[in-house]
Amino acid sequence: MAGIRLNHVPYKGSGPAMQDLVSGQVKVSFAGVPNVLNNVRNGRLRMLVVSRAAR
């Protein structure tokens, strides 16, 4: 609906995915909070959305 095109990039685990995200090899990631929280707190990543079943 928004016209955004994304390519799926398969990774063998969240470690390599986070390395590529922090280094700028990929621009966006859909990851769990525990996987990105340290990088967000250190200012290396910016968290845009947090969603869960209950408010």
Protein backbone atom coordinates (compact mmCIF):
# COMPACT_ATOMS: atom_id res chain seq x y z
CA MET A 1 0.00 0.00 0.00
CA ALA A 2 2.89 2.35 0.75
CA GLY A 3 4.85 1.38 -2.34
CA ILE A 4 7.89 0.24 -0.36
CA ARG A 5 9.96 -2.49 -1.99
CA LEU A 6 12.11 -4.73 0.20
CA ASN A 7 14.38 -7.65 -0.66
CA HIS A 8 14.62 -10.63 1.65
CA VAL A 9 18.22 -11.42 2.63
CA PRO A 10 18.55 -14.79 4.39
CA TYR A 11 21.01 -14.96 7.31
CA LYS A 12 22.17 -17.85 9.46
CA GLY A 13 21.23 -16.27 12.76
CA SER A 14 20.82 -12.81 14.20
CA GLY A 15 24.56 -12.24 14.80
CA PRO A 16 25.55 -11.88 11.14
CA ALA A 17 22.38 -9.90 10.43
CA MET A 18 23.18 -7.40 13.20
CA GLN A 19 26.78 -7.06 11.96
CA ASP A 20 25.56 -6.14 8.48
CA LEU A 21 22.93 -3.78 9.88
CA VAL A 22 25.39 -1.90 12.12
CA SER A 23 28.00 -1.72 9.34
CA GLY A 24 25.47 -0.36 6.82
CA GLN A 25 25.44 -3.36 4.47
CA VAL A 26 21.66 -3.54 4.96
CA LYS A 27 19.44 -0.55 5.70
CA VAL A 28 16.54 -2.11 7.62
CA SER A 29 15.86 -5.21 9.66
CA PHE A 30 12.86 -6.78 11.36
CA ALA A 31 14.44 -8.08 14.54
CA GLY A 32 13.49 -8.85 18.10
CA VAL A 33 14.18 -6.25 20.78
CA PRO A 34 16.78 -8.39 22.63
CA ASN A 35 18.84 -8.65 19.43
CA VAL A 36 19.11 -4.89 18.89
CA LEU A 37 18.78 -3.36 22.35
CA ASN A 38 22.52 -2.95 23.08
CA ASN A 39 23.13 -1.29 19.72
CA VAL A 40 20.15 1.03 20.27
CA ARG A 41 21.42 2.02 23.72
CA ASN A 42 24.92 2.67 22.29
CA GLY A 43 23.48 4.89 19.56
CA ARG A 44 24.52 2.64 16.66
CA LEU A 45 20.94 1.78 15.67
CA ARG A 46 17.59 3.51 15.88
CA MET A 47 14.51 1.51 16.82
CA LEU A 48 11.45 2.69 14.95
CA VAL A 49 8.66 0.35 16.01
CA VAL A 50 7.96 -2.04 18.83
CA SER A 51 4.85 -4.20 18.53
CA ARG A 52 3.37 -6.91 20.66
CA ALA A 53 0.05 -8.68 21.19
CA ALA A 54 -0.96 -6.75 24.32
CA ARG A 55 -0.84 -3.02 24.84
